PDB file of N, CA and C in Angstrom:
ATOM      1  N   MET A   1      -0.571  15.125  -6.914  1.00  0.00           N
ATOM      2  CA  MET A   1      -1.959  14.850  -6.589  1.00  0.00           C
ATOM      3  C   MET A   1      -2.003  14.129  -5.240  1.00  0.00           C
ATOM      4  N   ILE A   2      -2.968  14.510  -4.438  1.00  0.00           N
ATOM      5  CA  ILE A   2      -3.159  13.911  -3.117  1.00  0.00           C
ATOM      6  C   ILE A   2      -4.427  13.071  -3.132  1.00  0.00           C
ATOM      7  N   SER A   3      -4.352  11.900  -2.519  1.00  0.00           N
ATOM      8  CA  SER A   3      -5.527  11.060  -2.330  1.00  0.00           C
ATOM      9  C   SER A   3      -5.833  10.987  -0.839  1.00  0.00           C
ATOM     10  N   ILE A   4      -7.049  11.355  -0.497  1.00  0.00           N
ATOM     11  CA  ILE A   4      -7.516  11.239   0.879  1.00  0.00           C
ATOM     12  C   ILE A   4      -8.429  10.027   0.918  1.00  0.00           C
ATOM     13  N   ILE A   5      -8.066   9.042   1.730  1.00  0.00           N
ATOM     14  CA  ILE A   5      -8.822   7.792   1.807  1.00  0.00           C
ATOM     15  C   ILE A   5      -9.374   7.647   3.218  1.00  0.00           C
ATOM     16  N   ALA A   6     -10.680   7.368   3.311  1.00  0.00           N
ATOM     17  CA  ALA A   6     -11.298   7.236   4.632  1.00  0.00           C
ATOM     18  C   ALA A   6     -12.323   6.114   4.624  1.00  0.00           C
ATOM     19  N   PRO A   7     -12.359   5.319   5.686  1.00  0.00           N
ATOM     20  CA  PRO A   7     -13.391   4.293   5.815  1.00  0.00           C
ATOM     21  C   PRO A   7     -14.691   4.908   6.316  1.00  0.00           C
ATOM     22  N   ALA A   8     -15.797   4.253   6.007  1.00  0.00           N
ATOM     23  CA  ALA A   8     -17.093   4.691   6.512  1.00  0.00           C
ATOM     24  C   ALA A   8     -17.937   3.456   6.806  1.00  0.00           C
ATOM     25  N   HIS A   9     -18.488   3.420   7.994  1.00  0.00           N
ATOM     26  CA  HIS A   9     -19.438   2.368   8.353  1.00  0.00           C
ATOM     27  C   HIS A   9     -20.553   3.036   9.144  1.00  0.00           C
ATOM     28  N   ASN A  10     -21.731   3.099   8.540  1.00  0.00           N
ATOM     29  CA  ASN A  10     -22.892   3.755   9.149  1.00  0.00           C
ATOM     30  C   ASN A  10     -22.562   5.191   9.552  1.00  0.00           C
ATOM     31  N   GLU A  11     -22.108   5.959   8.581  1.00  0.00           N
ATOM     32  CA  GLU A  11     -21.689   7.340   8.814  1.00  0.00           C
ATOM     33  C   GLU A  11     -22.557   8.350   8.057  1.00  0.00           C
ATOM     34  N   GLU A  12     -23.815   8.027   7.832  1.00  0.00           N
ATOM     35  CA  GLU A  12     -24.667   8.925   7.048  1.00  0.00           C
ATOM     36  C   GLU A  12     -24.732  10.336   7.627  1.00  0.00           C
ATOM     37  N   GLU A  13     -24.606  10.474   8.916  1.00  0.00           N
ATOM     38  CA  GLU A  13     -24.710  11.789   9.544  1.00  0.00           C
ATOM     39  C   GLU A  13     -23.384  12.553   9.524  1.00  0.00           C
ATOM     40  N   ASN A  14     -22.291  11.888   9.237  1.00  0.00           N
ATOM     41  CA  ASN A  14     -20.968  12.513   9.305  1.00  0.00           C
ATOM     42  C   ASN A  14     -20.254  12.642   7.969  1.00  0.00           C
ATOM     43  N   VAL A  15     -20.596  11.816   7.012  1.00  0.00           N
ATOM     44  CA  VAL A  15     -19.796  11.731   5.788  1.00  0.00           C
ATOM     45  C   VAL A  15     -19.855  13.020   4.961  1.00  0.00           C
ATOM     46  N   ASN A  16     -20.973  13.705   4.954  1.00  0.00           N
ATOM     47  CA  ASN A  16     -21.073  14.963   4.206  1.00  0.00           C
ATOM     48  C   ASN A  16     -20.090  15.998   4.756  1.00  0.00           C
ATOM     49  N   LEU A  17     -20.068  16.165   6.065  1.00  0.00           N
ATOM     50  CA  LEU A  17     -19.145  17.122   6.690  1.00  0.00           C
ATOM     51  C   LEU A  17     -17.699  16.730   6.422  1.00  0.00           C
ATOM     52  N   PHE A  18     -17.395  15.424   6.501  1.00  0.00           N
ATOM     53  CA  PHE A  18     -16.024  14.975   6.240  1.00  0.00           C
ATOM     54  C   PHE A  18     -15.590  15.336   4.829  1.00  0.00           C
ATOM     55  N   VAL A  19     -16.444  15.070   3.850  1.00  0.00           N
ATOM     56  CA  VAL A  19     -16.095  15.361   2.456  1.00  0.00           C
ATOM     57  C   VAL A  19     -15.901  16.864   2.266  1.00  0.00           C
ATOM     58  N   CYS A  20     -16.772  17.675   2.858  1.00  0.00           N
ATOM     59  CA  CYS A  20     -16.628  19.137   2.754  1.00  0.00           C
ATOM     60  C   CYS A  20     -15.308  19.608   3.360  1.00  0.00           C
ATOM     61  N   LYS A  21     -14.944  19.063   4.508  1.00  0.00           N
ATOM     62  CA  LYS A  21     -13.685  19.458   5.143  1.00  0.00           C
ATOM     63  C   LYS A  21     -12.483  18.970   4.340  1.00  0.00           C
ATOM     64  N   ALA A  22     -12.593  17.793   3.741  1.00  0.00           N
ATOM     65  CA  ALA A  22     -11.497  17.286   2.911  1.00  0.00           C
ATOM     66  C   ALA A  22     -11.296  18.174   1.686  1.00  0.00           C
ATOM     67  N   ILE A  23     -12.384  18.598   1.065  1.00  0.00           N
ATOM     68  CA  ILE A  23     -12.293  19.503  -0.079  1.00  0.00           C
ATOM     69  C   ILE A  23     -11.659  20.821   0.352  1.00  0.00           C
ATOM     70  N   ALA A  24     -12.091  21.346   1.485  1.00  0.00           N
ATOM     71  CA  ALA A  24     -11.533  22.603   1.990  1.00  0.00           C
ATOM     72  C   ALA A  24     -10.035  22.460   2.261  1.00  0.00           C
ATOM     73  N   GLY A  25      -9.632  21.323   2.792  1.00  0.00           N
ATOM     74  CA  GLY A  25      -8.216  21.085   3.046  1.00  0.00           C
ATOM     75  C   GLY A  25      -7.393  21.044   1.777  1.00  0.00           C
ATOM     76  N   LEU A  26      -7.911  20.398   0.752  1.00  0.00           N
ATOM     77  CA  LEU A  26      -7.216  20.361  -0.532  1.00  0.00           C
ATOM     78  C   LEU A  26      -7.089  21.762  -1.122  1.00  0.00           C
ATOM     79  N   ARG A  27      -8.160  22.529  -1.044  1.00  0.00           N
ATOM     80  CA  ARG A  27      -8.118  23.903  -1.574  1.00  0.00           C
ATOM     81  C   ARG A  27      -7.141  24.767  -0.797  1.00  0.00           C
ATOM     82  N   ALA A  28      -7.154  24.638   0.529  1.00  0.00           N
ATOM     83  CA  ALA A  28      -6.254  25.440   1.364  1.00  0.00           C
ATOM     84  C   ALA A  28      -4.787  25.116   1.074  1.00  0.00           C
ATOM     85  N   ALA A  29      -4.530  23.851   0.762  1.00  0.00           N
ATOM     86  CA  ALA A  29      -3.169  23.431   0.450  1.00  0.00           C
ATOM     87  C   ALA A  29      -2.821  23.708  -1.015  1.00  0.00           C
ATOM     88  N   GLU A  30      -3.816  24.205  -1.758  1.00  0.00           N
ATOM     89  CA  GLU A  30      -3.641  24.472  -3.189  1.00  0.00           C
ATOM     90  C   GLU A  30      -3.146  23.235  -3.926  1.00  0.00           C
ATOM     91  N   GLU A  31      -3.769  22.122  -3.585  1.00  0.00           N
ATOM     92  CA  GLU A  31      -3.412  20.835  -4.193  1.00  0.00           C
ATOM     93  C   GLU A  31      -4.615  20.256  -4.928  1.00  0.00           C
ATOM     94  N   GLU A  32      -4.333  19.562  -6.012  1.00  0.00           N
ATOM     95  CA  GLU A  32      -5.373  18.783  -6.664  1.00  0.00           C
ATOM     96  C   GLU A  32      -5.404  17.424  -5.999  1.00  0.00           C
ATOM     97  N   GLY A  33      -6.565  16.826  -5.950  1.00  0.00           N
ATOM     98  CA  GLY A  33      -6.628  15.527  -5.309  1.00  0.00           C
ATOM     99  C   GLY A  33      -7.971  14.855  -5.490  1.00  0.00           C
ATOM    100  N   GLU A  34      -8.061  13.734  -4.840  1.00  0.00           N
ATOM    101  CA  GLU A  34      -9.294  12.963  -4.865  1.00  0.00           C
ATOM    102  C   GLU A  34      -9.616  12.527  -3.446  1.00  0.00           C
ATOM    103  N   ILE A  35     -10.887  12.272  -3.224  1.00  0.00           N
ATOM    104  CA  ILE A  35     -11.351  11.789  -1.926  1.00  0.00           C
ATOM    105  C   ILE A  35     -11.961  10.417  -2.187  1.00  0.00           C
ATOM    106  N   ILE A  36     -11.427   9.423  -1.510  1.00  0.00           N
ATOM    107  CA  ILE A  36     -11.915   8.053  -1.672  1.00  0.00           C
ATOM    108  C   ILE A  36     -12.547   7.628  -0.352  1.00  0.00           C
ATOM    109  N   ILE A  37     -13.827   7.304  -0.403  1.00  0.00           N
ATOM    110  CA  ILE A  37     -14.531   6.818   0.779  1.00  0.00           C
ATOM    111  C   ILE A  37     -14.814   5.339   0.566  1.00  0.00           C
ATOM    112  N   VAL A  38     -14.395   4.529   1.520  1.00  0.00           N
ATOM    113  CA  VAL A  38     -14.630   3.089   1.471  1.00  0.00           C
ATOM    114  C   VAL A  38     -15.803   2.794   2.397  1.00  0.00           C
ATOM    115  N   ASP A  39     -16.959   2.525   1.805  1.00  0.00           N
ATOM    116  CA  ASP A  39     -18.164   2.201   2.570  1.00  0.00           C
ATOM    117  C   ASP A  39     -18.111   0.720   2.921  1.00  0.00           C
ATOM    118  N   ASP A  40     -17.826   0.450   4.175  1.00  0.00           N
ATOM    119  CA  ASP A  40     -17.587  -0.915   4.641  1.00  0.00           C
ATOM    120  C   ASP A  40     -18.867  -1.545   5.182  1.00  0.00           C
ATOM    121  N   GLY A  41     -19.781  -1.876   4.283  1.00  0.00           N
ATOM    122  CA  GLY A  41     -20.982  -2.606   4.659  1.00  0.00           C
ATOM    123  C   GLY A  41     -21.985  -1.826   5.485  1.00  0.00           C
ATOM    124  N   SER A  42     -22.102  -0.534   5.244  1.00  0.00           N
ATOM    125  CA  SER A  42     -23.056   0.275   6.006  1.00  0.00           C
ATOM    126  C   SER A  42     -24.481  -0.236   5.819  1.00  0.00           C
ATOM    127  N   THR A  43     -25.250  -0.183   6.891  1.00  0.00           N
ATOM    128  CA  THR A  43     -26.654  -0.602   6.841  1.00  0.00           C
ATOM    129  C   THR A  43     -27.594   0.591   6.949  1.00  0.00           C
ATOM    130  N   ASP A  44     -27.038   1.802   7.053  1.00  0.00           N
ATOM    131  CA  ASP A  44     -27.852   3.008   7.077  1.00  0.00           C
ATOM    132  C   ASP A  44     -27.839   3.633   5.674  1.00  0.00           C
ATOM    133  N   ASN A  45     -28.011   4.915   5.572  1.00  0.00           N
ATOM    134  CA  ASN A  45     -28.069   5.593   4.275  1.00  0.00           C
ATOM    135  C   ASN A  45     -26.739   6.190   3.829  1.00  0.00           C
ATOM    136  N   THR A  46     -25.640   5.680   4.352  1.00  0.00           N
ATOM    137  CA  THR A  46     -24.327   6.194   3.964  1.00  0.00           C
ATOM    138  C   THR A  46     -24.139   6.143   2.447  1.00  0.00           C
ATOM    139  N   ALA A  47     -24.488   5.043   1.820  1.00  0.00           N
ATOM    140  CA  ALA A  47     -24.302   4.898   0.372  1.00  0.00           C
ATOM    141  C   ALA A  47     -25.108   5.934  -0.402  1.00  0.00           C
ATOM    142  N   LYS A  48     -26.342   6.192   0.024  1.00  0.00           N
ATOM    143  CA  LYS A  48     -27.176   7.189  -0.661  1.00  0.00           C
ATOM    144  C   LYS A  48     -26.597   8.590  -0.521  1.00  0.00           C
ATOM    145  N   VAL A  49     -26.130   8.914   0.675  1.00  0.00           N
ATOM    146  CA  VAL A  49     -25.519  10.227   0.898  1.00  0.00           C
ATOM    147  C   VAL A  49     -24.290  10.378   0.006  1.00  0.00           C
ATOM    148  N   LEU A  50     -23.468   9.341  -0.051  1.00  0.00           N
ATOM    149  CA  LEU A  50     -22.272   9.390  -0.888  1.00  0.00           C
ATOM    150  C   LEU A  50     -22.614   9.542  -2.360  1.00  0.00           C
ATOM    151  N   GLN A  51     -23.634   8.857  -2.819  1.00  0.00           N
ATOM    152  CA  GLN A  51     -24.029   8.962  -4.227  1.00  0.00           C
ATOM    153  C   GLN A  51     -24.498  10.375  -4.564  1.00  0.00           C
ATOM    154  N   ARG A  52     -25.244  11.013  -3.656  1.00  0.00           N
ATOM    155  CA  ARG A  52     -25.675  12.399  -3.884  1.00  0.00           C
ATOM    156  C   ARG A  52     -24.470  13.335  -3.908  1.00  0.00           C
ATOM    157  N   LEU A  53     -23.523  13.104  -3.004  1.00  0.00           N
ATOM    158  CA  LEU A  53     -22.309  13.923  -2.971  1.00  0.00           C
ATOM    159  C   LEU A  53     -21.505  13.772  -4.259  1.00  0.00           C
ATOM    160  N   ARG A  54     -21.431  12.542  -4.767  1.00  0.00           N
ATOM    161  CA  ARG A  54     -20.653  12.284  -5.977  1.00  0.00           C
ATOM    162  C   ARG A  54     -21.203  13.061  -7.170  1.00  0.00           C
ATOM    163  N   ASP A  55     -22.504  13.336  -7.169  1.00  0.00           N
ATOM    164  CA  ASP A  55     -23.095  14.128  -8.246  1.00  0.00           C
ATOM    165  C   ASP A  55     -22.554  15.554  -8.255  1.00  0.00           C
ATOM    166  N   VAL A  56     -22.130  16.044  -7.099  1.00  0.00           N
ATOM    167  CA  VAL A  56     -21.650  17.414  -6.953  1.00  0.00           C
ATOM    168  C   VAL A  56     -20.123  17.481  -6.887  1.00  0.00           C
ATOM    169  N   VAL A  57     -19.522  16.513  -6.230  1.00  0.00           N
ATOM    170  CA  VAL A  57     -18.075  16.501  -5.998  1.00  0.00           C
ATOM    171  C   VAL A  57     -17.442  15.525  -6.991  1.00  0.00           C
ATOM    172  N   THR A  58     -16.893  16.056  -8.058  1.00  0.00           N
ATOM    173  CA  THR A  58     -16.361  15.199  -9.118  1.00  0.00           C
ATOM    174  C   THR A  58     -15.113  14.438  -8.689  1.00  0.00           C
ATOM    175  N   SER A  59     -14.436  14.910  -7.656  1.00  0.00           N
ATOM    176  CA  SER A  59     -13.221  14.233  -7.194  1.00  0.00           C
ATOM    177  C   SER A  59     -13.504  13.141  -6.169  1.00  0.00           C
ATOM    178  N   LEU A  60     -14.781  12.877  -5.888  1.00  0.00           N
ATOM    179  CA  LEU A  60     -15.157  11.852  -4.915  1.00  0.00           C
ATOM    180  C   LEU A  60     -15.248  10.488  -5.586  1.00  0.00           C
ATOM    181  N   ARG A  61     -14.570   9.526  -5.009  1.00  0.00           N
ATOM    182  CA  ARG A  61     -14.639   8.133  -5.456  1.00  0.00           C
ATOM    183  C   ARG A  61     -15.227   7.308  -4.315  1.00  0.00           C
ATOM    184  N   ILE A  62     -16.061   6.353  -4.662  1.00  0.00           N
ATOM    185  CA  ILE A  62     -16.705   5.517  -3.651  1.00  0.00           C
ATOM    186  C   ILE A  62     -16.353   4.065  -3.920  1.00  0.00           C
ATOM    187  N   VAL A  63     -15.889   3.395  -2.883  1.00  0.00           N
ATOM    188  CA  VAL A  63     -15.634   1.959  -2.934  1.00  0.00           C
ATOM    189  C   VAL A  63     -16.604   1.335  -1.936  1.00  0.00           C
ATOM    190  N   SER A  64     -17.391   0.365  -2.387  1.00  0.00           N
ATOM    191  CA  SER A  64     -18.406  -0.216  -1.513  1.00  0.00           C
ATOM    192  C   SER A  64     -18.204  -1.704  -1.312  1.00  0.00           C
ATOM    193  N   SER A  65     -18.480  -2.120  -0.087  1.00  0.00           N
ATOM    194  CA  SER A  65     -18.486  -3.539   0.254  1.00  0.00           C
ATOM    195  C   SER A  65     -19.876  -3.854   0.781  1.00  0.00           C
ATOM    196  N   LYS A  66     -20.435  -4.938   0.349  1.00  0.00           N
ATOM    197  CA  LYS A  66     -21.792  -5.287   0.784  1.00  0.00           C
ATOM    198  C   LYS A  66     -21.832  -5.766   2.230  1.00  0.00           C
ATOM    199  N   ARG A  67     -20.709  -6.278   2.721  1.00  0.00           N
ATOM    200  CA  ARG A  67     -20.671  -6.720   4.124  1.00  0.00           C
ATOM    201  C   ARG A  67     -19.476  -6.103   4.794  1.00  0.00           C
ATOM    202  N   LYS A  68     -19.595  -5.920   6.099  1.00  0.00           N
ATOM    203  CA  LYS A  68     -18.506  -5.292   6.853  1.00  0.00           C
ATOM    204  C   LYS A  68     -17.322  -6.249   6.898  1.00  0.00           C
ATOM    205  N   GLU A  69     -16.186  -5.761   6.403  1.00  0.00           N
ATOM    206  CA  GLU A  69     -14.988  -6.598   6.368  1.00  0.00           C
ATOM    207  C   GLU A  69     -13.884  -6.097   7.281  1.00  0.00           C
ATOM    208  N   GLY A  70     -13.947  -4.836   7.691  1.00  0.00           N
ATOM    209  CA  GLY A  70     -12.951  -4.311   8.607  1.00  0.00           C
ATOM    210  C   GLY A  70     -11.627  -3.988   7.959  1.00  0.00           C
ATOM    211  N   PHE A  71     -10.715  -3.493   8.756  1.00  0.00           N
ATOM    212  CA  PHE A  71      -9.424  -3.002   8.285  1.00  0.00           C
ATOM    213  C   PHE A  71      -8.553  -4.087   7.661  1.00  0.00           C
ATOM    214  N   SER A  72      -8.524  -5.256   8.245  1.00  0.00           N
ATOM    215  CA  SER A  72      -7.609  -6.292   7.765  1.00  0.00           C
ATOM    216  C   SER A  72      -8.004  -6.865   6.407  1.00  0.00           C
ATOM    217  N   ALA A  73      -9.256  -6.711   5.992  1.00  0.00           N
ATOM    218  CA  ALA A  73      -9.688  -7.233   4.698  1.00  0.00           C
ATOM    219  C   ALA A  73      -9.122  -6.374   3.591  1.00  0.00           C
TER     220      ALA A  73
END
C-alpha cells in the first residue's frame, strides 16, 4: 500500500486537481493506496473542498490544523 501525503495551505483552487492526479497515479501504478492531505490552517475554502472530495474519494484522509504550523511542527 502506498500513502501519498501532501500539505495544503489555502489551496482551494488546486487541491481537487492534485487529488485527481494522485488517484490517477495510483491506478497507473496498479497500487492500492491512500491520499493524506494535511490542511495547515487554511483560511480559504480548502477544508470544504476536501470534505466534498472525501465524500467521493474513499481513500482520501484529511488532517486539519486550525492554525498554520508549518513543516517543523
